PDB file of all heavy atoms in Angstrom:
ATOM      1  N   GLY A   1     -31.817  10.099   1.376  1.00  0.00           N
ATOM      2  CA  GLY A   1     -30.439   9.775   0.992  1.00  0.00           C
ATOM      3  C   GLY A   1     -29.472  10.868   1.387  1.00  0.00           C
ATOM      4  O   GLY A   1     -28.385  10.599   1.899  1.00  0.00           O
ATOM      5  N   LEU A   2     -29.857  12.123   1.144  1.00  0.00           N
ATOM      6  CA  LEU A   2     -29.014  13.244   1.538  1.00  0.00           C
ATOM      7  C   LEU A   2     -28.835  13.287   3.055  1.00  0.00           C
ATOM      8  O   LEU A   2     -27.729  13.513   3.552  1.00  0.00           O
ATOM      9  CB  LEU A   2     -29.621  14.568   1.055  1.00  0.00           C
ATOM     10  CG  LEU A   2     -29.399  14.904  -0.406  1.00  0.00           C
ATOM     11  CD1 LEU A   2     -30.191  16.143  -0.790  1.00  0.00           C
ATOM     12  CD2 LEU A   2     -27.919  15.111  -0.685  1.00  0.00           C
ATOM     13  N   ALA A   3     -29.916  13.065   3.783  1.00  0.00           N
ATOM     14  CA  ALA A   3     -29.827  13.060   5.247  1.00  0.00           C
ATOM     15  C   ALA A   3     -28.868  11.972   5.720  1.00  0.00           C
ATOM     16  O   ALA A   3     -28.020  12.210   6.591  1.00  0.00           O
ATOM     17  CB  ALA A   3     -31.212  12.862   5.853  1.00  0.00           C
ATOM     18  N   SER A   4     -28.965  10.806   5.124  1.00  0.00           N
ATOM     19  CA  SER A   4     -28.070   9.706   5.512  1.00  0.00           C
ATOM     20  C   SER A   4     -26.624  10.021   5.165  1.00  0.00           C
ATOM     21  O   SER A   4     -25.713   9.701   5.937  1.00  0.00           O
ATOM     22  CB  SER A   4     -28.502   8.406   4.824  1.00  0.00           C
ATOM     23  OG  SER A   4     -29.756   7.993   5.312  1.00  0.00           O
ATOM     24  N   LEU A   5     -26.394  10.641   4.000  1.00  0.00           N
ATOM     25  CA  LEU A   5     -25.032  11.013   3.627  1.00  0.00           C
ATOM     26  C   LEU A   5     -24.435  12.014   4.607  1.00  0.00           C
ATOM     27  O   LEU A   5     -23.268  11.897   5.000  1.00  0.00           O
ATOM     28  CB  LEU A   5     -25.007  11.582   2.204  1.00  0.00           C
ATOM     29  CG  LEU A   5     -25.111  10.546   1.087  1.00  0.00           C
ATOM     30  CD1 LEU A   5     -25.411  11.228  -0.242  1.00  0.00           C
ATOM     31  CD2 LEU A   5     -23.840   9.734   0.998  1.00  0.00           C
ATOM     32  N   PHE A   6     -25.236  12.990   5.024  1.00  0.00           N
ATOM     33  CA  PHE A   6     -24.750  13.954   6.016  1.00  0.00           C
ATOM     34  C   PHE A   6     -24.461  13.270   7.355  1.00  0.00           C
ATOM     35  O   PHE A   6     -23.465  13.560   8.011  1.00  0.00           O
ATOM     36  CB  PHE A   6     -25.741  15.103   6.199  1.00  0.00           C
ATOM     37  CG  PHE A   6     -25.638  16.155   5.136  1.00  0.00           C
ATOM     38  CD1 PHE A   6     -26.636  16.300   4.194  1.00  0.00           C
ATOM     39  CD2 PHE A   6     -24.538  17.001   5.079  1.00  0.00           C
ATOM     40  CE1 PHE A   6     -26.546  17.271   3.203  1.00  0.00           C
ATOM     41  CE2 PHE A   6     -24.434  17.972   4.093  1.00  0.00           C
ATOM     42  CZ  PHE A   6     -25.438  18.111   3.151  1.00  0.00           C
ATOM     43  N   GLU A   7     -25.327  12.353   7.754  1.00  0.00           N
ATOM     44  CA  GLU A   7     -25.110  11.629   9.008  1.00  0.00           C
ATOM     45  C   GLU A   7     -23.829  10.792   8.940  1.00  0.00           C
ATOM     46  O   GLU A   7     -23.051  10.752   9.893  1.00  0.00           O
ATOM     47  CB  GLU A   7     -26.302  10.725   9.313  1.00  0.00           C
ATOM     48  CG  GLU A   7     -27.545  11.488   9.724  1.00  0.00           C
ATOM     49  CD  GLU A   7     -28.771  10.604   9.798  1.00  0.00           C
ATOM     50  OE1 GLU A   7     -28.721   9.430   9.349  1.00  0.00           O
ATOM     51  OE2 GLU A   7     -29.805  11.077  10.296  1.00  0.00           O
ATOM     52  N   LEU A   8     -23.614  10.121   7.813  1.00  0.00           N
ATOM     53  CA  LEU A   8     -22.405   9.315   7.651  1.00  0.00           C
ATOM     54  C   LEU A   8     -21.154  10.177   7.673  1.00  0.00           C
ATOM     55  O   LEU A   8     -20.150   9.829   8.300  1.00  0.00           O
ATOM     56  CB  LEU A   8     -22.472   8.513   6.345  1.00  0.00           C
ATOM     57  CG  LEU A   8     -23.431   7.339   6.337  1.00  0.00           C
ATOM     58  CD1 LEU A   8     -23.552   6.770   4.929  1.00  0.00           C
ATOM     59  CD2 LEU A   8     -22.983   6.266   7.309  1.00  0.00           C
ATOM     60  N   ALA A   9     -21.209  11.324   6.974  1.00  0.00           N
ATOM     61  CA  ALA A   9     -20.052  12.219   6.951  1.00  0.00           C
ATOM     62  C   ALA A   9     -19.751  12.739   8.358  1.00  0.00           C
ATOM     63  O   ALA A   9     -18.595  12.759   8.791  1.00  0.00           O
ATOM     64  CB  ALA A   9     -20.295  13.372   5.985  1.00  0.00           C
ATOM     65  N   HIS A  10     -20.787  13.145   9.065  1.00  0.00           N
ATOM     66  CA  HIS A  10     -20.591  13.654  10.431  1.00  0.00           C
ATOM     67  C   HIS A  10     -20.031  12.556  11.331  1.00  0.00           C
ATOM     68  O   HIS A  10     -19.090  12.786  12.101  1.00  0.00           O
ATOM     69  CB  HIS A  10     -21.907  14.178  10.992  1.00  0.00           C
ATOM     70  CG  HIS A  10     -21.775  14.665  12.399  1.00  0.00           C
ATOM     71  ND1 HIS A  10     -22.012  13.846  13.478  1.00  0.00           N
ATOM     72  CD2 HIS A  10     -21.416  15.865  12.904  1.00  0.00           C
ATOM     73  CE1 HIS A  10     -21.802  14.527  14.590  1.00  0.00           C
ATOM     74  NE2 HIS A  10     -21.440  15.752  14.273  1.00  0.00           N
ATOM     75  N   GLY A  11     -20.587  11.363  11.242  1.00  0.00           N
ATOM     76  CA  GLY A  11     -20.107  10.263  12.073  1.00  0.00           C
ATOM     77  C   GLY A  11     -18.662   9.894  11.774  1.00  0.00           C
ATOM     78  O   GLY A  11     -17.869   9.640  12.691  1.00  0.00           O
ATOM     79  N   ALA A  12     -18.312   9.896  10.491  1.00  0.00           N
ATOM     80  CA  ALA A  12     -16.932   9.567  10.108  1.00  0.00           C
ATOM     81  C   ALA A  12     -15.968  10.621  10.618  1.00  0.00           C
ATOM     82  O   ALA A  12     -14.900  10.297  11.157  1.00  0.00           O
ATOM     83  CB  ALA A  12     -16.824   9.431   8.583  1.00  0.00           C
ATOM     84  N   LEU A  13     -16.334  11.889  10.458  1.00  0.00           N
ATOM     85  CA  LEU A  13     -15.459  12.956  10.943  1.00  0.00           C
ATOM     86  C   LEU A  13     -15.318  12.923  12.462  1.00  0.00           C
ATOM     87  O   LEU A  13     -14.222  13.104  12.995  1.00  0.00           O
ATOM     88  CB  LEU A  13     -15.983  14.318  10.494  1.00  0.00           C
ATOM     89  CG  LEU A  13     -15.836  14.614   9.013  1.00  0.00           C
ATOM     90  CD1 LEU A  13     -16.587  15.893   8.648  1.00  0.00           C
ATOM     91  CD2 LEU A  13     -14.376  14.725   8.626  1.00  0.00           C
ATOM     92  N   ALA A  14     -16.412  12.681  13.157  1.00  0.00           N
ATOM     93  CA  ALA A  14     -16.352  12.608  14.622  1.00  0.00           C
ATOM     94  C   ALA A  14     -15.488  11.439  15.075  1.00  0.00           C
ATOM     95  O   ALA A  14     -14.728  11.550  16.042  1.00  0.00           O
ATOM     96  CB  ALA A  14     -17.767  12.478  15.190  1.00  0.00           C
ATOM     97  N   ALA A  15     -15.574  10.316  14.367  1.00  0.00           N
ATOM     98  CA  ALA A  15     -14.779   9.143  14.731  1.00  0.00           C
ATOM     99  C   ALA A  15     -13.304   9.346  14.405  1.00  0.00           C
ATOM    100  O   ALA A  15     -12.425   8.813  15.100  1.00  0.00           O
ATOM    101  CB  ALA A  15     -15.316   7.904  14.016  1.00  0.00           C
ATOM    102  N   LEU A  16     -13.015  10.098  13.347  1.00  0.00           N
ATOM    103  CA  LEU A  16     -11.624  10.317  12.947  1.00  0.00           C
ATOM    104  C   LEU A  16     -10.930  11.426  13.735  1.00  0.00           C
ATOM    105  O   LEU A  16      -9.696  11.492  13.740  1.00  0.00           O
ATOM    106  CB  LEU A  16     -11.544  10.634  11.454  1.00  0.00           C
ATOM    107  CG  LEU A  16     -11.707   9.431  10.534  1.00  0.00           C
ATOM    108  CD1 LEU A  16     -11.690   9.872   9.081  1.00  0.00           C
ATOM    109  CD2 LEU A  16     -10.631   8.403  10.793  1.00  0.00           C
ATOM    110  N   ARG A  17     -11.702  12.259  14.399  1.00  0.00           N
ATOM    111  CA  ARG A  17     -11.084  13.364  15.133  1.00  0.00           C
ATOM    112  C   ARG A  17     -10.032  12.880  16.139  1.00  0.00           C
ATOM    113  O   ARG A  17      -8.900  13.362  16.127  1.00  0.00           O
ATOM    114  CB  ARG A  17     -12.144  14.208  15.815  1.00  0.00           C
ATOM    115  CG  ARG A  17     -11.562  15.394  16.526  1.00  0.00           C
ATOM    116  CD  ARG A  17     -12.616  16.271  17.114  1.00  0.00           C
ATOM    117  NE  ARG A  17     -11.985  17.440  17.701  1.00  0.00           N
ATOM    118  CZ  ARG A  17     -12.632  18.508  18.057  1.00  0.00           C
ATOM    119  NH1 ARG A  17     -13.932  18.568  17.891  1.00  0.00           N
ATOM    120  NH2 ARG A  17     -11.985  19.518  18.583  1.00  0.00           N
ATOM    121  N   PRO A  18     -10.349  11.916  17.015  1.00  0.00           N
ATOM    122  CA  PRO A  18      -9.307  11.460  17.941  1.00  0.00           C
ATOM    123  C   PRO A  18      -8.147  10.758  17.231  1.00  0.00           C
ATOM    124  O   PRO A  18      -7.012  10.803  17.697  1.00  0.00           O
ATOM    125  CB  PRO A  18     -10.034  10.509  18.891  1.00  0.00           C
ATOM    126  CG  PRO A  18     -11.344  10.219  18.280  1.00  0.00           C
ATOM    127  CD  PRO A  18     -11.637  11.288  17.287  1.00  0.00           C
ATOM    128  N   VAL A  19      -8.432  10.134  16.102  1.00  0.00           N
ATOM    129  CA  VAL A  19      -7.360   9.483  15.339  1.00  0.00           C
ATOM    130  C   VAL A  19      -6.387  10.540  14.831  1.00  0.00           C
ATOM    131  O   VAL A  19      -5.168  10.417  14.977  1.00  0.00           O
ATOM    132  CB  VAL A  19      -7.939   8.669  14.158  1.00  0.00           C
ATOM    133  CG1 VAL A  19      -6.832   8.113  13.282  1.00  0.00           C
ATOM    134  CG2 VAL A  19      -8.833   7.546  14.667  1.00  0.00           C
ATOM    135  N   ILE A  20      -6.931  11.590  14.229  1.00  0.00           N
ATOM    136  CA  ILE A  20      -6.094  12.652  13.666  1.00  0.00           C
ATOM    137  C   ILE A  20      -5.364  13.412  14.764  1.00  0.00           C
ATOM    138  O   ILE A  20      -4.171  13.707  14.643  1.00  0.00           O
ATOM    139  CB  ILE A  20      -6.949  13.596  12.797  1.00  0.00           C
ATOM    140  CG1 ILE A  20      -7.451  12.838  11.570  1.00  0.00           C
ATOM    141  CG2 ILE A  20      -6.167  14.830  12.386  1.00  0.00           C
ATOM    142  CD1 ILE A  20      -8.539  13.546  10.801  1.00  0.00           C
ATOM    143  N   GLU A  21      -6.082  13.721  15.853  1.00  0.00           N
ATOM    144  CA  GLU A  21      -5.446  14.452  16.949  1.00  0.00           C
ATOM    145  C   GLU A  21      -4.323  13.647  17.592  1.00  0.00           C
ATOM    146  O   GLU A  21      -3.360  14.206  18.095  1.00  0.00           O
ATOM    147  CB  GLU A  21      -6.492  14.839  17.993  1.00  0.00           C
ATOM    148  CG  GLU A  21      -7.418  15.940  17.508  1.00  0.00           C
ATOM    149  CD  GLU A  21      -8.555  16.233  18.465  1.00  0.00           C
ATOM    150  OE1 GLU A  21      -8.808  15.420  19.383  1.00  0.00           O
ATOM    151  OE2 GLU A  21      -9.200  17.278  18.290  1.00  0.00           O
ATOM    152  N   GLY A  22      -4.438  12.316  17.576  1.00  0.00           N
ATOM    153  CA  GLY A  22      -3.417  11.473  18.179  1.00  0.00           C
ATOM    154  C   GLY A  22      -2.354  11.010  17.202  1.00  0.00           C
ATOM    155  O   GLY A  22      -1.480  10.213  17.549  1.00  0.00           O
ATOM    156  N   LEU A  23      -2.420  11.499  15.968  1.00  0.00           N
ATOM    157  CA  LEU A  23      -1.471  11.083  14.943  1.00  0.00           C
ATOM    158  C   LEU A  23      -0.063  11.554  15.287  1.00  0.00           C
ATOM    159  O   LEU A  23       0.159  12.708  15.616  1.00  0.00           O
ATOM    160  CB  LEU A  23      -1.898  11.662  13.593  1.00  0.00           C
ATOM    161  CG  LEU A  23      -1.197  11.140  12.353  1.00  0.00           C
ATOM    162  CD1 LEU A  23      -1.431   9.647  12.194  1.00  0.00           C
ATOM    163  CD2 LEU A  23      -1.713  11.880  11.130  1.00  0.00           C
ATOM    164  N   ASP A  24       0.856  10.641  15.233  1.00  0.00           N
ATOM    165  CA  ASP A  24       2.254  10.946  15.521  1.00  0.00           C
ATOM    166  C   ASP A  24       3.053  10.705  14.244  1.00  0.00           C
ATOM    167  O   ASP A  24       3.259   9.563  13.840  1.00  0.00           O
ATOM    168  CB  ASP A  24       2.760  10.044  16.647  1.00  0.00           C
ATOM    169  CG  ASP A  24       4.188  10.329  17.040  1.00  0.00           C
ATOM    170  OD1 ASP A  24       4.673  11.441  16.756  1.00  0.00           O
ATOM    171  OD2 ASP A  24       4.819   9.439  17.632  1.00  0.00           O
ATOM    172  N   VAL A  25       3.458  11.776  13.593  1.00  0.00           N
ATOM    173  CA  VAL A  25       4.172  11.680  12.325  1.00  0.00           C
ATOM    174  C   VAL A  25       5.674  11.802  12.582  1.00  0.00           C
ATOM    175  O   VAL A  25       6.131  12.790  13.155  1.00  0.00           O
ATOM    176  CB  VAL A  25       3.712  12.783  11.347  1.00  0.00           C
ATOM    177  CG1 VAL A  25       4.479  12.708  10.035  1.00  0.00           C
ATOM    178  CG2 VAL A  25       2.217  12.682  11.102  1.00  0.00           C
ATOM    179  N   ASP A  26       6.405  10.796  12.163  1.00  0.00           N
ATOM    180  CA  ASP A  26       7.866  10.805  12.295  1.00  0.00           C
ATOM    181  C   ASP A  26       8.430  11.461  11.037  1.00  0.00           C
ATOM    182  O   ASP A  26       8.697  10.806  10.029  1.00  0.00           O
ATOM    183  CB  ASP A  26       8.372   9.372  12.448  1.00  0.00           C
ATOM    184  CG  ASP A  26       9.867   9.289  12.674  1.00  0.00           C
ATOM    185  OD1 ASP A  26      10.569  10.318  12.509  1.00  0.00           O
ATOM    186  OD2 ASP A  26      10.333   8.190  13.002  1.00  0.00           O
ATOM    187  N   THR A  27       8.599  12.773  11.099  1.00  0.00           N
ATOM    188  CA  THR A  27       8.996  13.532   9.912  1.00  0.00           C
ATOM    189  C   THR A  27      10.402  13.175   9.431  1.00  0.00           C
ATOM    190  O   THR A  27      10.663  13.220   8.227  1.00  0.00           O
ATOM    191  CB  THR A  27       8.907  15.043  10.177  1.00  0.00           C
ATOM    192  OG1 THR A  27       9.709  15.369  11.308  1.00  0.00           O
ATOM    193  CG2 THR A  27       7.466  15.466  10.440  1.00  0.00           C
ATOM    194  N   VAL A  28      11.271  12.801  10.347  1.00  0.00           N
ATOM    195  CA  VAL A  28      12.636  12.432   9.951  1.00  0.00           C
ATOM    196  C   VAL A  28      12.597  11.163   9.101  1.00  0.00           C
ATOM    197  O   VAL A  28      13.198  11.093   8.019  1.00  0.00           O
ATOM    198  CB  VAL A  28      13.540  12.252  11.193  1.00  0.00           C
ATOM    199  CG1 VAL A  28      14.897  11.708  10.793  1.00  0.00           C
ATOM    200  CG2 VAL A  28      13.683  13.561  11.943  1.00  0.00           C
ATOM    201  N   THR A  29      11.864  10.158   9.564  1.00  0.00           N
ATOM    202  CA  THR A  29      11.754   8.913   8.804  1.00  0.00           C
ATOM    203  C   THR A  29      11.002   9.135   7.504  1.00  0.00           C
ATOM    204  O   THR A  29      11.367   8.579   6.465  1.00  0.00           O
ATOM    205  CB  THR A  29      11.053   7.837   9.648  1.00  0.00           C
ATOM    206  OG1 THR A  29      11.795   7.644  10.851  1.00  0.00           O
ATOM    207  CG2 THR A  29      10.946   6.525   8.903  1.00  0.00           C
ATOM    208  N   LEU A  30       9.961   9.948   7.542  1.00  0.00           N
ATOM    209  CA  LEU A  30       9.202  10.262   6.337  1.00  0.00           C
ATOM    210  C   LEU A  30      10.114  10.889   5.286  1.00  0.00           C
ATOM    211  O   LEU A  30      10.138  10.469   4.125  1.00  0.00           O
ATOM    212  CB  LEU A  30       8.043  11.202   6.671  1.00  0.00           C
ATOM    213  CG  LEU A  30       7.197  11.690   5.515  1.00  0.00           C
ATOM    214  CD1 LEU A  30       6.509  10.532   4.814  1.00  0.00           C
ATOM    215  CD2 LEU A  30       6.169  12.690   6.016  1.00  0.00           C
ATOM    216  N   ARG A  31      10.893  11.885   5.688  1.00  0.00           N
ATOM    217  CA  ARG A  31      11.813  12.555   4.763  1.00  0.00           C
ATOM    218  C   ARG A  31      12.841  11.557   4.217  1.00  0.00           C
ATOM    219  O   ARG A  31      13.126  11.524   3.020  1.00  0.00           O
ATOM    220  CB  ARG A  31      12.510  13.717   5.461  1.00  0.00           C
ATOM    221  CG  ARG A  31      13.456  14.475   4.546  1.00  0.00           C
ATOM    222  CD  ARG A  31      13.967  15.751   5.181  1.00  0.00           C
ATOM    223  NE  ARG A  31      12.927  16.771   5.065  1.00  0.00           N
ATOM    224  CZ  ARG A  31      12.216  17.267   6.081  1.00  0.00           C
ATOM    225  NH1 ARG A  31      12.453  16.882   7.294  1.00  0.00           N
ATOM    226  NH2 ARG A  31      11.280  18.175   5.881  1.00  0.00           N
ATOM    227  N   ARG A  32      13.396  10.713   5.094  1.00  0.00           N
ATOM    228  CA  ARG A  32      14.395   9.735   4.665  1.00  0.00           C
ATOM    229  C   ARG A  32      13.801   8.757   3.643  1.00  0.00           C
ATOM    230  O   ARG A  32      14.430   8.436   2.638  1.00  0.00           O
ATOM    231  CB  ARG A  32      14.935   8.972   5.887  1.00  0.00           C
ATOM    232  CG  ARG A  32      16.046   7.993   5.531  1.00  0.00           C
ATOM    233  CD  ARG A  32      16.608   7.261   6.740  1.00  0.00           C
ATOM    234  NE  ARG A  32      15.579   6.440   7.353  1.00  0.00           N
ATOM    235  CZ  ARG A  32      15.219   6.518   8.642  1.00  0.00           C
ATOM    236  NH1 ARG A  32      15.776   7.398   9.444  1.00  0.00           N
ATOM    237  NH2 ARG A  32      14.286   5.723   9.117  1.00  0.00           N
ATOM    238  N   ASN A  33      12.586   8.309   3.881  1.00  0.00           N
ATOM    239  CA  ASN A  33      11.941   7.377   2.950  1.00  0.00           C
ATOM    240  C   ASN A  33      11.650   8.037   1.604  1.00  0.00           C
ATOM    241  O   ASN A  33      11.788   7.402   0.552  1.00  0.00           O
ATOM    242  CB  ASN A  33      10.661   6.823   3.564  1.00  0.00           C
ATOM    243  CG  ASN A  33      10.922   5.869   4.699  1.00  0.00           C
ATOM    244  OD1 ASN A  33      12.029   5.351   4.860  1.00  0.00           O
ATOM    245  ND2 ASN A  33       9.906   5.642   5.507  1.00  0.00           N
ATOM    246  N   LEU A  34      11.235   9.291   1.628  1.00  0.00           N
ATOM    247  CA  LEU A  34      10.979  10.000   0.374  1.00  0.00           C
ATOM    248  C   LEU A  34      12.261  10.150  -0.437  1.00  0.00           C
ATOM    249  O   LEU A  34      12.256   9.969  -1.662  1.00  0.00           O
ATOM    250  CB  LEU A  34      10.366  11.367   0.654  1.00  0.00           C
ATOM    251  CG  LEU A  34       8.921  11.361   1.147  1.00  0.00           C
ATOM    252  CD1 LEU A  34       8.510  12.753   1.604  1.00  0.00           C
ATOM    253  CD2 LEU A  34       7.983  10.842   0.081  1.00  0.00           C
ATOM    254  N   ILE A  35      13.354  10.473   0.232  1.00  0.00           N
ATOM    255  CA  ILE A  35      14.640  10.606  -0.457  1.00  0.00           C
ATOM    256  C   ILE A  35      15.088   9.248  -0.996  1.00  0.00           C
ATOM    257  O   ILE A  35      15.522   9.140  -2.146  1.00  0.00           O
ATOM    258  CB  ILE A  35      15.700  11.213   0.486  1.00  0.00           C
ATOM    259  CG1 ILE A  35      15.341  12.670   0.783  1.00  0.00           C
ATOM    260  CG2 ILE A  35      17.090  11.104  -0.117  1.00  0.00           C
ATOM    261  CD1 ILE A  35      16.148  13.284   1.898  1.00  0.00           C
ATOM    262  N   ARG A  36      14.954   8.205  -0.189  1.00  0.00           N
ATOM    263  CA  ARG A  36      15.360   6.866  -0.605  1.00  0.00           C
ATOM    264  C   ARG A  36      14.592   6.408  -1.851  1.00  0.00           C
ATOM    265  O   ARG A  36      15.133   5.756  -2.739  1.00  0.00           O
ATOM    266  CB  ARG A  36      15.152   5.867   0.527  1.00  0.00           C
ATOM    267  CG  ARG A  36      15.668   4.464   0.179  1.00  0.00           C
ATOM    268  CD  ARG A  36      15.322   3.421   1.216  1.00  0.00           C
ATOM    269  NE  ARG A  36      13.880   3.234   1.220  1.00  0.00           N
ATOM    270  CZ  ARG A  36      13.145   3.102   2.321  1.00  0.00           C
ATOM    271  NH1 ARG A  36      13.693   3.147   3.506  1.00  0.00           N
ATOM    272  NH2 ARG A  36      11.852   2.931   2.243  1.00  0.00           N
ATOM    273  N   GLU A  37      13.320   6.777  -1.922  1.00  0.00           N
ATOM    274  CA  GLU A  37      12.496   6.385  -3.065  1.00  0.00           C
ATOM    275  C   GLU A  37      12.639   7.350  -4.246  1.00  0.00           C
ATOM    276  O   GLU A  37      11.948   7.217  -5.242  1.00  0.00           O
ATOM    277  CB  GLU A  37      11.027   6.290  -2.642  1.00  0.00           C
ATOM    278  CG  GLU A  37      10.759   5.184  -1.650  1.00  0.00           C
ATOM    279  CD  GLU A  37      11.104   3.814  -2.198  1.00  0.00           C
ATOM    280  OE1 GLU A  37      10.854   3.550  -3.399  1.00  0.00           O
ATOM    281  OE2 GLU A  37      11.633   2.995  -1.425  1.00  0.00           O
ATOM    282  N   ASP A  38      13.526   8.319  -4.099  1.00  0.00           N
ATOM    283  CA  ASP A  38      13.847   9.263  -5.168  1.00  0.00           C
ATOM    284  C   ASP A  38      12.647  10.085  -5.629  1.00  0.00           C
ATOM    285  O   ASP A  38      12.447  10.295  -6.818  1.00  0.00           O
ATOM    286  CB  ASP A  38      14.474   8.522  -6.357  1.00  0.00           C
ATOM    287  CG  ASP A  38      15.153   9.478  -7.320  1.00  0.00           C
ATOM    288  OD1 ASP A  38      15.627  10.543  -6.876  1.00  0.00           O
ATOM    289  OD2 ASP A  38      15.189   9.163  -8.527  1.00  0.00           O
ATOM    290  N   VAL A  39      11.841  10.537  -4.671  1.00  0.00           N
ATOM    291  CA  VAL A  39      10.740  11.429  -5.011  1.00  0.00           C
ATOM    292  C   VAL A  39      10.905  12.785  -4.343  1.00  0.00           C
ATOM    293  O   VAL A  39      10.008  13.610  -4.387  1.00  0.00           O
ATOM    294  CB  VAL A  39       9.365  10.830  -4.624  1.00  0.00           C
ATOM    295  CG1 VAL A  39       9.048   9.639  -5.487  1.00  0.00           C
ATOM    296  CG2 VAL A  39       9.316  10.477  -3.156  1.00  0.00           C
ATOM    297  N   GLY A  40      12.045  13.016  -3.726  1.00  0.00           N
ATOM    298  CA  GLY A  40      12.303  14.299  -3.089  1.00  0.00           C
ATOM    299  C   GLY A  40      12.151  14.209  -1.587  1.00  0.00           C
ATOM    300  O   GLY A  40      11.811  13.167  -1.042  1.00  0.00           O
ATOM    301  N   ALA A  41      12.394  15.317  -0.927  1.00  0.00           N
ATOM    302  CA  ALA A  41      12.349  15.342   0.531  1.00  0.00           C
ATOM    303  C   ALA A  41      11.118  16.063   1.057  1.00  0.00           C
ATOM    304  O   ALA A  41      10.975  16.238   2.252  1.00  0.00           O
ATOM    305  CB  ALA A  41      13.609  16.023   1.069  1.00  0.00           C
ATOM    306  N   ASP A  42      10.229  16.472   0.189  1.00  0.00           N
ATOM    307  CA  ASP A  42       9.068  17.234   0.600  1.00  0.00           C
ATOM    308  C   ASP A  42       7.830  16.340   0.611  1.00  0.00           C
ATOM    309  O   ASP A  42       7.443  15.788  -0.414  1.00  0.00           O
ATOM    310  CB  ASP A  42       8.870  18.398  -0.373  1.00  0.00           C
ATOM    311  CG  ASP A  42       7.701  19.289   0.004  1.00  0.00           C
ATOM    312  OD1 ASP A  42       7.099  19.084   1.071  1.00  0.00           O
ATOM    313  OD2 ASP A  42       7.392  20.197  -0.781  1.00  0.00           O
ATOM    314  N   ALA A  43       7.207  16.197   1.781  1.00  0.00           N
ATOM    315  CA  ALA A  43       6.000  15.367   1.884  1.00  0.00           C
ATOM    316  C   ALA A  43       4.864  15.931   1.033  1.00  0.00           C
ATOM    317  O   ALA A  43       3.906  15.230   0.738  1.00  0.00           O
ATOM    318  CB  ALA A  43       5.553  15.260   3.338  1.00  0.00           C
ATOM    319  N   GLY A  44       4.973  17.189   0.634  1.00  0.00           N
ATOM    320  CA  GLY A  44       3.974  17.795  -0.232  1.00  0.00           C
ATOM    321  C   GLY A  44       4.013  17.261  -1.654  1.00  0.00           C
ATOM    322  O   GLY A  44       3.198  17.616  -2.482  1.00  0.00           O
ATOM    323  N   GLN A  45       4.964  16.395  -1.933  1.00  0.00           N
ATOM    324  CA  GLN A  45       5.081  15.818  -3.267  1.00  0.00           C
ATOM    325  C   GLN A  45       4.260  14.538  -3.399  1.00  0.00           C
ATOM    326  O   GLN A  45       4.610  13.624  -4.135  1.00  0.00           O
ATOM    327  CB  GLN A  45       6.550  15.531  -3.578  1.00  0.00           C
ATOM    328  CG  GLN A  45       7.395  16.778  -3.691  1.00  0.00           C
ATOM    329  CD  GLN A  45       8.832  16.445  -4.061  1.00  0.00           C
ATOM    330  OE1 GLN A  45       9.199  15.292  -4.244  1.00  0.00           O
ATOM    331  NE2 GLN A  45       9.653  17.468  -4.161  1.00  0.00           N
ATOM    332  N   SER A  46       3.147  14.469  -2.686  1.00  0.00           N
ATOM    333  CA  SER A  46       2.340  13.256  -2.713  1.00  0.00           C
ATOM    334  C   SER A  46       1.850  12.922  -4.117  1.00  0.00           C
ATOM    335  O   SER A  46       1.694  11.753  -4.458  1.00  0.00           O
ATOM    336  CB  SER A  46       1.162  13.374  -1.757  1.00  0.00           C
ATOM    337  OG  SER A  46       0.369  14.487  -2.090  1.00  0.00           O
TER     338      SER A  46
END
């Protein structure tokens, strides 16, 4: 079970690497949406 969990974690991370590296975050829109929803302008306020 532990071996399978490690394999799954490694496979998930390897598969997500190109997703994360290719992530395009529109910080202007993100900030605007946070302000509009009245939770502040800092994305760290998750």
